[in-house]
């Protein structure tokens, strides 16, 4: 006697696939938005006090996006049995995300140095 367990299993599979698809589309949308604003920030800097830090941060975002794409493709290739290509993609993705993290730290440090009051006074007095 079937108590509907098989149909519940199919509904669970369908809802799992639907949620995966929704999250994949959202992730791609977030990557596109991050890339758009990172490039917009890089193009819009006019050499002000805050531009140096934001340039590093914007480039870091691009490295994070590329790194995540390589990691995701490496995981997908590993599932499909292409282990050698997957290893290179995972290694490259990890390297790109590490570089992105380093650039992010450099950008945050540059922003932090700007906001230190003694450095602001020195920069303003040197400009005059």
Protein backbone atom coordinates (compact mmCIF):
# COMPACT_ATOMS: atom_id res chain seq x y z
CA UNK A 1 0.00 0.00 0.00
CA UNK A 2 1.41 3.35 -1.05
CA UNK A 3 0.61 6.11 1.44
CA UNK A 4 1.80 8.90 -0.79
CA UNK A 5 5.46 8.63 0.21
CA UNK A 6 6.59 8.43 -3.40
CA UNK A 7 4.68 11.58 -4.37
CA UNK A 8 6.07 13.44 -1.33
CA UNK A 9 9.56 12.45 -2.44
CA UNK A 10 8.93 13.87 -5.93
CA UNK A 11 7.61 17.14 -4.44
CA UNK A 12 10.71 17.38 -2.24
CA UNK A 13 12.94 16.82 -5.27
CA UNK A 14 11.09 19.46 -7.29
CA UNK A 15 11.18 22.01 -4.47
CA UNK A 16 14.91 21.33 -3.95
CA UNK A 17 15.61 21.91 -7.63
CA UNK A 18 13.45 25.05 -7.63
CA UNK A 19 15.25 26.48 -4.58
CA UNK A 20 18.62 25.67 -6.15
CA UNK A 21 17.60 27.45 -9.34
CA UNK A 22 16.32 30.48 -7.43
CA UNK A 23 19.53 30.77 -5.41
CA UNK A 24 21.66 30.33 -8.55
CA UNK A 25 19.81 33.14 -10.32
CA UNK A 26 20.10 35.36 -7.23
CA UNK A 27 23.82 34.63 -6.97
CA UNK A 28 24.38 35.52 -10.62
CA UNK A 29 22.39 38.73 -10.10
CA UNK A 30 24.52 39.65 -7.08
CA UNK A 31 27.73 38.94 -9.04
CA UNK A 32 26.52 41.16 -11.89
CA UNK A 33 25.60 43.98 -9.49
CA UNK A 34 28.94 43.70 -7.65
CA UNK A 35 30.88 43.74 -10.91
CA UNK A 36 28.84 46.66 -12.26
CA UNK A 37 29.48 48.85 -9.23
CA UNK A 38 33.13 47.80 -8.94
CA UNK A 39 33.75 48.87 -12.54
CA UNK A 40 31.70 52.03 -12.03
CA UNK A 41 33.84 52.87 -8.98
CA UNK A 42 37.05 52.27 -10.92
CA UNK A 43 35.93 54.54 -13.76
CA UNK A 44 34.61 57.30 -11.53
CA UNK A 45 37.61 58.03 -9.30
CA UNK A 46 38.93 61.52 -9.62
CA UNK A 47 42.03 61.17 -7.44
CA UNK A 48 40.51 62.35 -4.16
CA UNK A 49 41.55 61.29 -0.68
CA UNK A 50 39.26 58.26 -0.65
CA UNK A 51 39.95 57.02 -4.17
CA UNK A 52 43.06 54.95 -3.43
CA UNK A 53 41.32 52.67 -0.93
CA UNK A 54 38.21 52.29 -3.08
CA UNK A 55 40.29 51.39 -6.11
CA UNK A 56 41.83 48.47 -4.22
CA UNK A 57 38.43 47.43 -2.88
CA UNK A 58 36.85 47.57 -6.34
CA UNK A 59 39.59 45.43 -7.89
CA UNK A 60 39.25 43.03 -4.95
CA UNK A 61 35.56 42.57 -5.76
CA UNK A 62 36.44 41.61 -9.34
CA UNK A 63 38.97 39.05 -8.05
CA UNK A 64 36.36 37.62 -5.66
CA UNK A 65 33.81 37.24 -8.45
CA UNK A 66 36.31 35.54 -10.78
CA UNK A 67 37.60 33.34 -7.97
CA UNK A 68 34.11 32.24 -7.01
CA UNK A 69 33.27 31.43 -10.62
CA UNK A 70 36.40 29.26 -10.91
CA UNK A 71 35.61 27.54 -7.60
CA UNK A 72 32.03 26.87 -8.65
CA UNK A 73 33.06 25.51 -12.04
CA UNK A 74 35.75 23.37 -10.40
CA UNK A 75 33.21 21.85 -8.02
CA UNK A 76 30.86 21.14 -10.93
CA UNK A 77 33.62 19.53 -12.95
CA UNK A 78 34.67 17.39 -9.99
CA UNK A 79 31.10 16.10 -9.74
CA UNK A 80 31.15 15.18 -13.43
CA UNK A 81 34.47 13.32 -13.12
CA UNK A 82 36.82 15.86 -14.72
CA UNK A 83 39.12 15.91 -11.73
CA UNK A 84 42.28 17.32 -13.34
CA UNK A 85 40.50 20.37 -14.76
CA UNK A 86 38.58 20.73 -11.50
CA UNK A 87 41.83 20.79 -9.49
CA UNK A 88 43.22 23.62 -11.62
CA UNK A 89 39.98 25.59 -11.44
CA UNK A 90 39.75 25.16 -7.69
CA UNK A 91 43.41 26.16 -7.24
CA UNK A 92 43.01 29.19 -9.51
CA UNK A 93 39.78 30.20 -7.79
CA UNK A 94 41.41 29.93 -4.38
CA UNK A 95 44.37 32.00 -5.55
CA UNK A 96 42.10 34.69 -7.01
CA UNK A 97 40.01 34.87 -3.85
CA UNK A 98 43.18 35.10 -1.74
CA UNK A 99 44.46 37.95 -3.92
CA UNK A 100 41.05 39.59 -3.64
CA UNK A 101 41.23 39.30 0.13
CA UNK A 102 44.71 40.82 0.16
CA UNK A 103 43.56 43.73 -2.02
CA UNK A 104 40.55 44.19 0.25
CA UNK A 105 42.83 44.44 3.30
CA UNK A 106 45.07 46.94 1.49
CA UNK A 107 42.00 48.99 0.51
CA UNK A 108 40.59 48.95 4.04
CA UNK A 109 44.00 49.94 5.40
CA UNK A 110 44.19 52.83 2.94
CA UNK A 111 40.71 53.98 4.02
CA UNK A 112 41.66 53.63 7.68
CA UNK A 113 44.80 55.71 7.18
CA UNK A 114 42.76 58.47 5.54
CA UNK A 115 40.37 58.62 8.48
CA UNK A 116 43.11 59.05 11.06
CA UNK A 117 42.87 62.67 12.11
CA UNK A 118 46.61 63.37 12.23
CA UNK A 119 47.03 62.07 8.70
CA UNK A 120 44.12 64.21 7.45
CA UNK A 121 45.67 67.34 8.97
CA UNK A 122 49.08 66.51 7.47
CA UNK A 123 47.53 65.87 4.04
CA UNK A 124 45.50 69.10 4.08
CA UNK A 125 48.43 71.21 5.29
CA UNK A 126 50.73 69.68 2.65
CA UNK A 127 48.20 70.54 -0.07
CA UNK A 128 48.31 74.25 0.79
